[in-house]
């Protein structure tokens, strides 16, 4: 299998993941896209509990699938929700959206 080179997609974030996860990683990433909608809605309603729970889940699940950046975003989001800091939460939502837009998975 060939994978995109940096010259083809200069802003791509290449993440190498075990071939064992090849069937479930696309579902995992699709579910994170759904999380973006939930997070935006929760932030609009100032529902920090939902943001905190989702941040906690992202923190726990990201690394298990090989996406350390999702873990980092989730940890920051969880902490910001505890402090009810909407501006940090908004930045983390944008970071997650950007990551999902740019990520390119290579299975090894």
PDB file of N, CA and C in Angstrom:
ATOM      1  N   UNK A   1       0.843  -1.182   0.000  1.00  0.00           N
ATOM      2  CA  UNK A   1       0.000   0.000   0.000  1.00  0.00           C
ATOM      3  C   UNK A   1       0.884   1.240   0.000  1.00  0.00           C
ATOM      4  N   UNK A   2       0.608   2.149  -0.874  1.00  0.00           N
ATOM      5  CA  UNK A   2       1.338   3.407  -0.871  1.00  0.00           C
ATOM      6  C   UNK A   2       0.593   4.383   0.026  1.00  0.00           C
ATOM      7  N   UNK A   3       1.329   5.290   0.585  1.00  0.00           N
ATOM      8  CA  UNK A   3       0.684   6.293   1.423  1.00  0.00           C
ATOM      9  C   UNK A   3       1.086   7.675   0.962  1.00  0.00           C
ATOM     10  N   UNK A   4       0.284   8.664   1.301  1.00  0.00           N
ATOM     11  CA  UNK A   4       0.559  10.013   0.809  1.00  0.00           C
ATOM     12  C   UNK A   4       1.904  10.518   1.308  1.00  0.00           C
ATOM     13  N   UNK A   5       2.623  11.168   0.428  1.00  0.00           N
ATOM     14  CA  UNK A   5       3.875  11.774   0.846  1.00  0.00           C
ATOM     15  C   UNK A   5       3.589  13.198   1.312  1.00  0.00           C
ATOM     16  N   UNK A   6       4.547  13.755   2.017  1.00  0.00           N
ATOM     17  CA  UNK A   6       4.370  15.125   2.489  1.00  0.00           C
ATOM     18  C   UNK A   6       4.267  16.111   1.328  1.00  0.00           C
ATOM     19  N   UNK A   7       4.869  15.768   0.188  1.00  0.00           N
ATOM     20  CA  UNK A   7       4.792  16.687  -0.942  1.00  0.00           C
ATOM     21  C   UNK A   7       3.386  16.686  -1.561  1.00  0.00           C
ATOM     22  N   UNK A   8       2.695  15.540  -1.502  1.00  0.00           N
ATOM     23  CA  UNK A   8       1.337  15.476  -2.045  1.00  0.00           C
ATOM     24  C   UNK A   8       0.339  16.215  -1.143  1.00  0.00           C
ATOM     25  N   UNK A   9       0.506  16.081   0.154  1.00  0.00           N
ATOM     26  CA  UNK A   9      -0.372  16.700   1.144  1.00  0.00           C
ATOM     27  C   UNK A   9       0.495  17.379   2.195  1.00  0.00           C
ATOM     28  N   UNK A  10       0.994  18.588   1.889  1.00  0.00           N
ATOM     29  CA  UNK A  10       1.981  19.210   2.768  1.00  0.00           C
ATOM     30  C   UNK A  10       1.487  19.486   4.183  1.00  0.00           C
ATOM     31  N   UNK A  11       0.166  19.612   4.378  1.00  0.00           N
ATOM     32  CA  UNK A  11      -0.310  19.899   5.724  1.00  0.00           C
ATOM     33  C   UNK A  11      -0.841  18.652   6.434  1.00  0.00           C
ATOM     34  N   UNK A  12      -0.617  17.475   5.828  1.00  0.00           N
ATOM     35  CA  UNK A  12      -1.101  16.226   6.433  1.00  0.00           C
ATOM     36  C   UNK A  12      -0.330  15.912   7.717  1.00  0.00           C
ATOM     37  N   UNK A  13      -1.049  15.336   8.659  1.00  0.00           N
ATOM     38  CA  UNK A  13      -0.436  14.801   9.874  1.00  0.00           C
ATOM     39  C   UNK A  13      -0.465  13.291   9.698  1.00  0.00           C
ATOM     40  N   UNK A  14       0.712  12.698   9.529  1.00  0.00           N
ATOM     41  CA  UNK A  14       0.811  11.255   9.306  1.00  0.00           C
ATOM     42  C   UNK A  14       0.868  10.556  10.658  1.00  0.00           C
ATOM     43  N   UNK A  15      -0.041   9.608  10.869  1.00  0.00           N
ATOM     44  CA  UNK A  15      -0.056   8.820  12.096  1.00  0.00           C
ATOM     45  C   UNK A  15       0.039   7.352  11.695  1.00  0.00           C
ATOM     46  N   UNK A  16       1.059   6.677  12.219  1.00  0.00           N
ATOM     47  CA  UNK A  16       1.222   5.253  11.938  1.00  0.00           C
ATOM     48  C   UNK A  16       0.501   4.455  13.010  1.00  0.00           C
ATOM     49  N   UNK A  17      -0.314   3.500  12.552  1.00  0.00           N
ATOM     50  CA  UNK A  17      -1.156   2.722  13.446  1.00  0.00           C
ATOM     51  C   UNK A  17      -1.037   1.249  13.069  1.00  0.00           C
ATOM     52  N   UNK A  18      -1.166   0.412  14.066  1.00  0.00           N
ATOM     53  CA  UNK A  18      -1.108  -1.028  13.841  1.00  0.00           C
ATOM     54  C   UNK A  18      -2.190  -1.471  12.857  1.00  0.00           C
ATOM     55  N   UNK A  19      -1.791  -2.356  11.958  1.00  0.00           N
ATOM     56  CA  UNK A  19      -2.734  -2.897  10.979  1.00  0.00           C
ATOM     57  C   UNK A  19      -3.891  -3.615  11.682  1.00  0.00           C
ATOM     58  N   UNK A  20      -3.680  -4.063  12.901  1.00  0.00           N
ATOM     59  CA  UNK A  20      -4.739  -4.738  13.665  1.00  0.00           C
ATOM     60  C   UNK A  20      -5.948  -3.835  13.890  1.00  0.00           C
ATOM     61  N   UNK A  21      -5.741  -2.526  13.845  1.00  0.00           N
ATOM     62  CA  UNK A  21      -6.822  -1.576  14.110  1.00  0.00           C
ATOM     63  C   UNK A  21      -7.448  -1.013  12.834  1.00  0.00           C
ATOM     64  N   UNK A  22      -7.041  -1.551  11.688  1.00  0.00           N
ATOM     65  CA  UNK A  22      -7.449  -0.981  10.395  1.00  0.00           C
ATOM     66  C   UNK A  22      -8.963  -0.927  10.212  1.00  0.00           C
ATOM     67  N   UNK A  23      -9.691  -1.897  10.742  1.00  0.00           N
ATOM     68  CA  UNK A  23     -11.144  -1.911  10.552  1.00  0.00           C
ATOM     69  C   UNK A  23     -11.867  -0.933  11.477  1.00  0.00           C
ATOM     70  N   UNK A  24     -11.286  -0.647  12.641  1.00  0.00           N
ATOM     71  CA  UNK A  24     -12.022   0.180  13.612  1.00  0.00           C
ATOM     72  C   UNK A  24     -11.578   1.642  13.656  1.00  0.00           C
ATOM     73  N   UNK A  25     -10.391   1.949  13.165  1.00  0.00           N
ATOM     74  CA  UNK A  25      -9.917   3.335  13.190  1.00  0.00           C
ATOM     75  C   UNK A  25     -10.827   4.283  12.399  1.00  0.00           C
ATOM     76  N   UNK A  26     -11.287   3.912  11.190  1.00  0.00           N
ATOM     77  CA  UNK A  26     -12.202   4.829  10.481  1.00  0.00           C
ATOM     78  C   UNK A  26     -13.483   5.112  11.279  1.00  0.00           C
ATOM     79  N   UNK A  27     -13.988   4.119  11.987  1.00  0.00           N
ATOM     80  CA  UNK A  27     -15.177   4.312  12.819  1.00  0.00           C
ATOM     81  C   UNK A  27     -14.844   5.243  13.978  1.00  0.00           C
ATOM     82  N   UNK A  28     -13.689   5.023  14.598  1.00  0.00           N
ATOM     83  CA  UNK A  28     -13.245   5.881  15.702  1.00  0.00           C
ATOM     84  C   UNK A  28     -13.170   7.336  15.236  1.00  0.00           C
ATOM     85  N   UNK A  29     -12.543   7.575  14.094  1.00  0.00           N
ATOM     86  CA  UNK A  29     -12.392   8.943  13.595  1.00  0.00           C
ATOM     87  C   UNK A  29     -13.740   9.550  13.210  1.00  0.00           C
ATOM     88  N   UNK A  30     -14.615   8.763  12.634  1.00  0.00           N
ATOM     89  CA  UNK A  30     -15.950   9.243  12.296  1.00  0.00           C
ATOM     90  C   UNK A  30     -16.716   9.650  13.559  1.00  0.00           C
ATOM     91  N   UNK A  31     -16.572   8.871  14.597  1.00  0.00           N
ATOM     92  CA  UNK A  31     -17.225   9.206  15.867  1.00  0.00           C
ATOM     93  C   UNK A  31     -16.674  10.503  16.455  1.00  0.00           C
ATOM     94  N   UNK A  32     -15.397  10.779  16.216  1.00  0.00           N
ATOM     95  CA  UNK A  32     -14.829  12.049  16.706  1.00  0.00           C
ATOM     96  C   UNK A  32     -15.416  13.215  15.929  1.00  0.00           C
ATOM     97  N   UNK A  33     -15.715  13.020  14.648  1.00  0.00           N
ATOM     98  CA  UNK A  33     -16.405  14.057  13.872  1.00  0.00           C
ATOM     99  C   UNK A  33     -17.761  14.349  14.501  1.00  0.00           C
ATOM    100  N   UNK A  34     -18.463  13.297  14.907  1.00  0.00           N
ATOM    101  CA  UNK A  34     -19.757  13.477  15.580  1.00  0.00           C
ATOM    102  C   UNK A  34     -19.580  14.221  16.903  1.00  0.00           C
ATOM    103  N   UNK A  35     -18.478  13.936  17.600  1.00  0.00           N
ATOM    104  CA  UNK A  35     -18.204  14.623  18.862  1.00  0.00           C
ATOM    105  C   UNK A  35     -18.098  16.129  18.675  1.00  0.00           C
ATOM    106  N   UNK A  36     -17.566  16.560  17.524  1.00  0.00           N
ATOM    107  CA  UNK A  36     -17.441  17.992  17.268  1.00  0.00           C
ATOM    108  C   UNK A  36     -18.795  18.683  17.365  1.00  0.00           C
ATOM    109  N   UNK A  37     -19.814  18.061  16.790  1.00  0.00           N
ATOM    110  CA  UNK A  37     -21.165  18.636  16.830  1.00  0.00           C
ATOM    111  C   UNK A  37     -21.680  18.685  18.273  1.00  0.00           C
ATOM    112  N   UNK A  38     -21.476  17.592  18.989  1.00  0.00           N
ATOM    113  CA  UNK A  38     -21.918  17.520  20.384  1.00  0.00           C
ATOM    114  C   UNK A  38     -21.205  18.571  21.224  1.00  0.00           C
ATOM    115  N   UNK A  39     -19.902  18.720  21.018  1.00  0.00           N
ATOM    116  CA  UNK A  39     -19.116  19.683  21.792  1.00  0.00           C
ATOM    117  C   UNK A  39     -19.558  21.115  21.506  1.00  0.00           C
ATOM    118  N   UNK A  40     -19.766  21.428  20.241  1.00  0.00           N
ATOM    119  CA  UNK A  40     -20.202  22.784  19.897  1.00  0.00           C
ATOM    120  C   UNK A  40     -21.564  23.091  20.519  1.00  0.00           C
ATOM    121  N   UNK A  41     -22.470  22.124  20.435  1.00  0.00           N
ATOM    122  CA  UNK A  41     -23.799  22.302  21.010  1.00  0.00           C
ATOM    123  C   UNK A  41     -23.700  22.481  22.528  1.00  0.00           C
ATOM    124  N   UNK A  42     -22.896  21.648  23.169  1.00  0.00           N
ATOM    125  CA  UNK A  42     -22.741  21.735  24.626  1.00  0.00           C
ATOM    126  C   UNK A  42     -22.131  23.075  25.024  1.00  0.00           C
ATOM    127  N   UNK A  43     -21.155  23.539  24.270  1.00  0.00           N
ATOM    128  CA  UNK A  43     -20.526  24.821  24.594  1.00  0.00           C
ATOM    129  C   UNK A  43     -21.530  25.961  24.428  1.00  0.00           C
ATOM    130  N   UNK A  44     -22.327  25.907  23.380  1.00  0.00           N
ATOM    131  CA  UNK A  44     -23.358  26.929  23.163  1.00  0.00           C
ATOM    132  C   UNK A  44     -24.320  26.999  24.350  1.00  0.00           C
ATOM    133  N   UNK A  45     -24.649  25.810  24.882  1.00  0.00           N
ATOM    134  CA  UNK A  45     -25.572  25.749  26.019  1.00  0.00           C
ATOM    135  C   UNK A  45     -24.856  25.914  27.362  1.00  0.00           C
ATOM    136  N   UNK A  46     -23.537  26.095  27.300  1.00  0.00           N
ATOM    137  CA  UNK A  46     -22.698  26.179  28.507  1.00  0.00           C
ATOM    138  C   UNK A  46     -22.881  24.948  29.391  1.00  0.00           C
ATOM    139  N   UNK A  47     -22.986  23.804  28.719  1.00  0.00           N
ATOM    140  CA  UNK A  47     -23.120  22.502  29.380  1.00  0.00           C
ATOM    141  C   UNK A  47     -21.712  21.939  29.600  1.00  0.00           C
ATOM    142  N   UNK A  48     -21.063  22.433  30.642  1.00  0.00           N
ATOM    143  CA  UNK A  48     -19.676  22.060  30.898  1.00  0.00           C
ATOM    144  C   UNK A  48     -19.535  20.601  31.329  1.00  0.00           C
ATOM    145  N   UNK A  49     -20.594  20.023  31.879  1.00  0.00           N
ATOM    146  CA  UNK A  49     -20.556  18.609  32.262  1.00  0.00           C
ATOM    147  C   UNK A  49     -20.373  17.709  31.057  1.00  0.00           C
ATOM    148  N   UNK A  50     -21.131  17.992  29.984  1.00  0.00           N
ATOM    149  CA  UNK A  50     -20.991  17.204  28.758  1.00  0.00           C
ATOM    150  C   UNK A  50     -19.606  17.395  28.154  1.00  0.00           C
ATOM    151  N   UNK A  51     -19.123  18.627  28.137  1.00  0.00           N
ATOM    152  CA  UNK A  51     -17.780  18.892  27.598  1.00  0.00           C
ATOM    153  C   UNK A  51     -16.730  18.153  28.429  1.00  0.00           C
ATOM    154  N   UNK A  52     -16.881  18.192  29.743  1.00  0.00           N
ATOM    155  CA  UNK A  52     -15.919  17.508  30.616  1.00  0.00           C
ATOM    156  C   UNK A  52     -15.927  16.004  30.363  1.00  0.00           C
ATOM    157  N   UNK A  53     -17.120  15.418  30.247  1.00  0.00           N
ATOM    158  CA  UNK A  53     -17.210  13.975  30.002  1.00  0.00           C
ATOM    159  C   UNK A  53     -16.611  13.587  28.656  1.00  0.00           C
ATOM    160  N   UNK A  54     -16.916  14.371  27.618  1.00  0.00           N
ATOM    161  CA  UNK A  54     -16.353  14.076  26.301  1.00  0.00           C
ATOM    162  C   UNK A  54     -14.838  14.279  26.298  1.00  0.00           C
ATOM    163  N   UNK A  55     -14.376  15.342  26.941  1.00  0.00           N
ATOM    164  CA  UNK A  55     -12.932  15.570  27.036  1.00  0.00           C
ATOM    165  C   UNK A  55     -12.244  14.407  27.727  1.00  0.00           C
ATOM    166  N   UNK A  56     -12.854  13.919  28.799  1.00  0.00           N
ATOM    167  CA  UNK A  56     -12.290  12.782  29.537  1.00  0.00           C
ATOM    168  C   UNK A  56     -12.219  11.545  28.639  1.00  0.00           C
ATOM    169  N   UNK A  57     -13.284  11.317  27.871  1.00  0.00           N
ATOM    170  CA  UNK A  57     -13.308  10.163  26.976  1.00  0.00           C
ATOM    171  C   UNK A  57     -12.253  10.296  25.877  1.00  0.00           C
ATOM    172  N   UNK A  58     -12.131  11.498  25.309  1.00  0.00           N
ATOM    173  CA  UNK A  58     -11.099  11.717  24.285  1.00  0.00           C
ATOM    174  C   UNK A  58      -9.711  11.472  24.858  1.00  0.00           C
ATOM    175  N   UNK A  59      -9.495  11.958  26.067  1.00  0.00           N
ATOM    176  CA  UNK A  59      -8.206  11.788  26.744  1.00  0.00           C
ATOM    177  C   UNK A  59      -7.887  10.302  26.895  1.00  0.00           C
ATOM    178  N   UNK A  60      -8.889   9.520  27.274  1.00  0.00           N
ATOM    179  CA  UNK A  60      -8.665   8.098  27.491  1.00  0.00           C
ATOM    180  C   UNK A  60      -8.557   7.283  26.215  1.00  0.00           C
ATOM    181  N   UNK A  61      -9.362   7.612  25.217  1.00  0.00           N
ATOM    182  CA  UNK A  61      -9.430   6.788  24.013  1.00  0.00           C
ATOM    183  C   UNK A  61      -8.373   7.116  22.969  1.00  0.00           C
ATOM    184  N   UNK A  62      -7.982   8.371  22.863  1.00  0.00           N
ATOM    185  CA  UNK A  62      -7.077   8.791  21.788  1.00  0.00           C
ATOM    186  C   UNK A  62      -5.810   7.972  21.695  1.00  0.00           C
ATOM    187  N   UNK A  63      -5.086   7.893  22.790  1.00  0.00           N
ATOM    188  CA  UNK A  63      -3.818   7.169  22.793  1.00  0.00           C
ATOM    189  C   UNK A  63      -3.980   5.691  22.530  1.00  0.00           C
ATOM    190  N   UNK A  64      -5.087   5.117  22.991  1.00  0.00           N
ATOM    191  CA  UNK A  64      -5.328   3.697  22.777  1.00  0.00           C
ATOM    192  C   UNK A  64      -5.454   3.333  21.309  1.00  0.00           C
ATOM    193  N   UNK A  65      -5.851   4.305  20.514  1.00  0.00           N
ATOM    194  CA  UNK A  65      -5.959   4.098  19.071  1.00  0.00           C
ATOM    195  C   UNK A  65      -4.732   4.620  18.332  1.00  0.00           C
ATOM    196  N   UNK A  66      -3.793   5.198  19.062  1.00  0.00           N
ATOM    197  CA  UNK A  66      -2.589   5.719  18.438  1.00  0.00           C
ATOM    198  C   UNK A  66      -2.638   7.203  18.114  1.00  0.00           C
ATOM    199  N   UNK A  67      -3.649   7.894  18.617  1.00  0.00           N
ATOM    200  CA  UNK A  67      -3.807   9.324  18.334  1.00  0.00           C
ATOM    201  C   UNK A  67      -3.498  10.132  19.596  1.00  0.00           C
ATOM    202  N   UNK A  68      -2.216  10.301  19.872  1.00  0.00           N
ATOM    203  CA  UNK A  68      -1.803  11.020  21.083  1.00  0.00           C
ATOM    204  C   UNK A  68      -2.302  12.457  21.089  1.00  0.00           C
ATOM    205  N   UNK A  69      -2.425  13.067  19.928  1.00  0.00           N
ATOM    206  CA  UNK A  69      -2.903  14.458  19.863  1.00  0.00           C
ATOM    207  C   UNK A  69      -4.346  14.556  20.356  1.00  0.00           C
ATOM    208  N   UNK A  70      -5.171  13.561  20.064  1.00  0.00           N
ATOM    209  CA  UNK A  70      -6.548  13.560  20.562  1.00  0.00           C
ATOM    210  C   UNK A  70      -6.544  13.456  22.086  1.00  0.00           C
ATOM    211  N   UNK A  71      -5.635  12.664  22.629  1.00  0.00           N
ATOM    212  CA  UNK A  71      -5.503  12.555  24.089  1.00  0.00           C
ATOM    213  C   UNK A  71      -5.153  13.917  24.689  1.00  0.00           C
ATOM    214  N   UNK A  72      -4.212  14.618  24.078  1.00  0.00           N
ATOM    215  CA  UNK A  72      -3.803  15.938  24.586  1.00  0.00           C
ATOM    216  C   UNK A  72      -4.961  16.928  24.532  1.00  0.00           C
ATOM    217  N   UNK A  73      -5.674  16.946  23.419  1.00  0.00           N
ATOM    218  CA  UNK A  73      -6.814  17.849  23.266  1.00  0.00           C
ATOM    219  C   UNK A  73      -7.875  17.526  24.314  1.00  0.00           C
ATOM    220  N   UNK A  74      -8.160  16.253  24.485  1.00  0.00           N
ATOM    221  CA  UNK A  74      -9.167  15.833  25.465  1.00  0.00           C
ATOM    222  C   UNK A  74      -8.802  16.235  26.881  1.00  0.00           C
ATOM    223  N   UNK A  75      -7.522  16.082  27.242  1.00  0.00           N
ATOM    224  CA  UNK A  75      -7.080  16.440  28.587  1.00  0.00           C
ATOM    225  C   UNK A  75      -7.247  17.934  28.839  1.00  0.00           C
ATOM    226  N   UNK A  76      -6.855  18.742  27.857  1.00  0.00           N
ATOM    227  CA  UNK A  76      -6.989  20.197  27.994  1.00  0.00           C
ATOM    228  C   UNK A  76      -8.461  20.584  28.061  1.00  0.00           C
ATOM    229  N   UNK A  77      -9.273  19.934  27.233  1.00  0.00           N
ATOM    230  CA  UNK A  77     -10.704  20.228  27.203  1.00  0.00           C
ATOM    231  C   UNK A  77     -11.367  19.863  28.533  1.00  0.00           C
ATOM    232  N   UNK A  78     -11.013  18.715  29.067  1.00  0.00           N
ATOM    233  CA  UNK A  78     -11.580  18.276  30.344  1.00  0.00           C
ATOM    234  C   UNK A  78     -11.255  19.288  31.443  1.00  0.00           C
ATOM    235  N   UNK A  79     -10.003  19.715  31.504  1.00  0.00           N
ATOM    236  CA  UNK A  79      -9.586  20.680  32.522  1.00  0.00           C
ATOM    237  C   UNK A  79     -10.296  22.018  32.343  1.00  0.00           C
ATOM    238  N   UNK A  80     -10.407  22.467  31.094  1.00  0.00           N
ATOM    239  CA  UNK A  80     -11.082  23.738  30.817  1.00  0.00           C
ATOM    240  C   UNK A  80     -12.559  23.669  31.207  1.00  0.00           C
ATOM    241  N   UNK A  81     -13.187  22.519  31.007  1.00  0.00           N
ATOM    242  CA  UNK A  81     -14.591  22.360  31.381  1.00  0.00           C
ATOM    243  C   UNK A  81     -14.749  22.438  32.897  1.00  0.00           C
ATOM    244  N   UNK A  82     -13.802  21.862  33.621  1.00  0.00           N
ATOM    245  CA  UNK A  82     -13.847  21.942  35.089  1.00  0.00           C
ATOM    246  C   UNK A  82     -13.783  23.395  35.545  1.00  0.00           C
ATOM    247  N   UNK A  83     -13.028  24.202  34.792  1.00  0.00           N
ATOM    248  CA  UNK A  83     -12.869  25.621  35.131  1.00  0.00           C
ATOM    249  C   UNK A  83     -13.920  26.494  34.430  1.00  0.00           C
ATOM    250  N   UNK A  84     -14.794  25.851  33.663  1.00  0.00           N
ATOM    251  CA  UNK A  84     -15.830  26.541  32.888  1.00  0.00           C
ATOM    252  C   UNK A  84     -15.244  27.651  32.012  1.00  0.00           C
ATOM    253  N   UNK A  85     -14.134  27.328  31.352  1.00  0.00           N
ATOM    254  CA  UNK A  85     -13.429  28.279  30.488  1.00  0.00           C
ATOM    255  C   UNK A  85     -13.804  28.023  29.028  1.00  0.00           C
ATOM    256  N   UNK A  86     -14.850  28.716  28.582  1.00  0.00           N
ATOM    257  CA  UNK A  86     -15.365  28.516  27.238  1.00  0.00           C
ATOM    258  C   UNK A  86     -14.374  28.837  26.134  1.00  0.00           C
ATOM    259  N   UNK A  87     -13.499  29.818  26.356  1.00  0.00           N
ATOM    260  CA  UNK A  87     -12.556  30.186  25.289  1.00  0.00           C
ATOM    261  C   UNK A  87     -11.527  29.083  25.056  1.00  0.00           C
ATOM    262  N   UNK A  88     -11.055  28.453  26.106  1.00  0.00           N
ATOM    263  CA  UNK A  88     -10.107  27.338  25.936  1.00  0.00           C
ATOM    264  C   UNK A  88     -10.821  26.154  25.285  1.00  0.00           C
ATOM    265  N   UNK A  89     -12.047  25.897  25.705  1.00  0.00           N
ATOM    266  CA  UNK A  89     -12.817  24.801  25.104  1.00  0.00           C
ATOM    267  C   UNK A  89     -12.984  25.051  23.613  1.00  0.00           C
ATOM    268  N   UNK A  90     -13.344  26.264  23.235  1.00  0.00           N
ATOM    269  CA  UNK A  90     -13.516  26.596  21.827  1.00  0.00           C
ATOM    270  C   UNK A  90     -12.226  26.350  21.051  1.00  0.00           C
ATOM    271  N   UNK A  91     -11.095  26.749  21.610  1.00  0.00           N
ATOM    272  CA  UNK A  91      -9.802  26.520  20.930  1.00  0.00           C
ATOM    273  C   UNK A  91      -9.527  25.027  20.769  1.00  0.00           C
ATOM    274  N   UNK A  92      -9.897  24.242  21.768  1.00  0.00           N
ATOM    275  CA  UNK A  92      -9.654  22.804  21.677  1.00  0.00           C
ATOM    276  C   UNK A  92     -10.577  22.155  20.640  1.00  0.00           C
ATOM    277  N   UNK A  93     -11.806  22.648  20.528  1.00  0.00           N
ATOM    278  CA  UNK A  93     -12.709  22.154  19.489  1.00  0.00           C
ATOM    279  C   UNK A  93     -12.110  22.435  18.113  1.00  0.00           C
ATOM    280  N   UNK A  94     -11.581  23.638  17.928  1.00  0.00           N
ATOM    281  CA  UNK A  94     -10.938  23.998  16.658  1.00  0.00           C
ATOM    282  C   UNK A  94      -9.712  23.111  16.418  1.00  0.00           C
ATOM    283  N   UNK A  95      -8.936  22.858  17.469  1.00  0.00           N
ATOM    284  CA  UNK A  95      -7.756  21.987  17.337  1.00  0.00           C
ATOM    285  C   UNK A  95      -8.162  20.576  16.920  1.00  0.00           C
ATOM    286  N   UNK A  96      -9.226  20.061  17.530  1.00  0.00           N
ATOM    287  CA  UNK A  96      -9.704  18.720  17.180  1.00  0.00           C
ATOM    288  C   UNK A  96     -10.183  18.685  15.735  1.00  0.00           C
ATOM    289  N   UNK A  97     -10.936  19.692  15.342  1.00  0.00           N
ATOM    290  CA  UNK A  97     -11.431  19.764  13.968  1.00  0.00           C
ATOM    291  C   UNK A  97     -10.264  19.811  12.977  1.00  0.00           C
ATOM    292  N   UNK A  98      -9.276  20.620  13.272  1.00  0.00           N
ATOM    293  CA  UNK A  98      -8.090  20.741  12.411  1.00  0.00           C
ATOM    294  C   UNK A  98      -7.336  19.411  12.333  1.00  0.00           C
ATOM    295  N   UNK A  99      -7.164  18.765  13.477  1.00  0.00           N
ATOM    296  CA  UNK A  99      -6.475  17.474  13.492  1.00  0.00           C
ATOM    297  C   UNK A  99      -7.215  16.466  12.615  1.00  0.00           C
ATOM    298  N   UNK A 100      -8.527  16.373  12.787  1.00  0.00           N
ATOM    299  CA  UNK A 100      -9.309  15.409  12.012  1.00  0.00           C
ATOM    300  C   UNK A 100      -9.267  15.720  10.523  1.00  0.00           C
ATOM    301  N   UNK A 101      -9.197  16.986  10.180  1.00  0.00           N
ATOM    302  CA  UNK A 101      -9.111  17.380   8.770  1.00  0.00           C
ATOM    303  C   UNK A 101      -7.764  16.979   8.165  1.00  0.00           C
ATOM    304  N   UNK A 102      -6.715  17.072   8.961  1.00  0.00           N
ATOM    305  CA  UNK A 102      -5.364  16.873   8.438  1.00  0.00           C
ATOM    306  C   UNK A 102      -4.807  15.466   8.600  1.00  0.00           C
ATOM    307  N   UNK A 103      -5.386  14.665   9.485  1.00  0.00           N
ATOM    308  CA  UNK A 103      -4.785  13.364   9.802  1.00  0.00           C
ATOM    309  C   UNK A 103      -4.859  12.407   8.609  1.00  0.00           C
ATOM    310  N   UNK A 104      -3.775  11.706   8.413  1.00  0.00           N
ATOM    311  CA  UNK A 104      -3.689  10.667   7.392  1.00  0.00           C
ATOM    312  C   UNK A 104      -3.088   9.437   8.069  1.00  0.00           C
ATOM    313  N   UNK A 105      -3.812   8.329   8.050  1.00  0.00           N
ATOM    314  CA  UNK A 105      -3.400   7.138   8.760  1.00  0.00           C
ATOM    315  C   UNK A 105      -2.635   6.206   7.831  1.00  0.00           C
ATOM    316  N   UNK A 106      -1.504   5.695   8.332  1.00  0.00           N
ATOM    317  CA  UNK A 106      -0.720   4.702   7.640  1.00  0.00           C
ATOM    318  C   UNK A 106      -0.712   3.463   8.534  1.00  0.00           C
ATOM    319  N   UNK A 107      -1.147   2.342   7.998  1.00  0.00           N
ATOM    320  CA  UNK A 107      -1.198   1.099   8.766  1.00  0.00           C
ATOM    321  C   UNK A 107       0.077   0.302   8.550  1.00  0.00           C
ATOM    322  N   UNK A 108       0.645  -0.143   9.639  1.00  0.00           N
ATOM    323  CA  UNK A 108       1.904  -0.923   9.586  1.00  0.00           C
ATOM    324  C   UNK A 108       1.690  -2.307  10.137  1.00  0.00           C
TER     325      UNK A 108
END
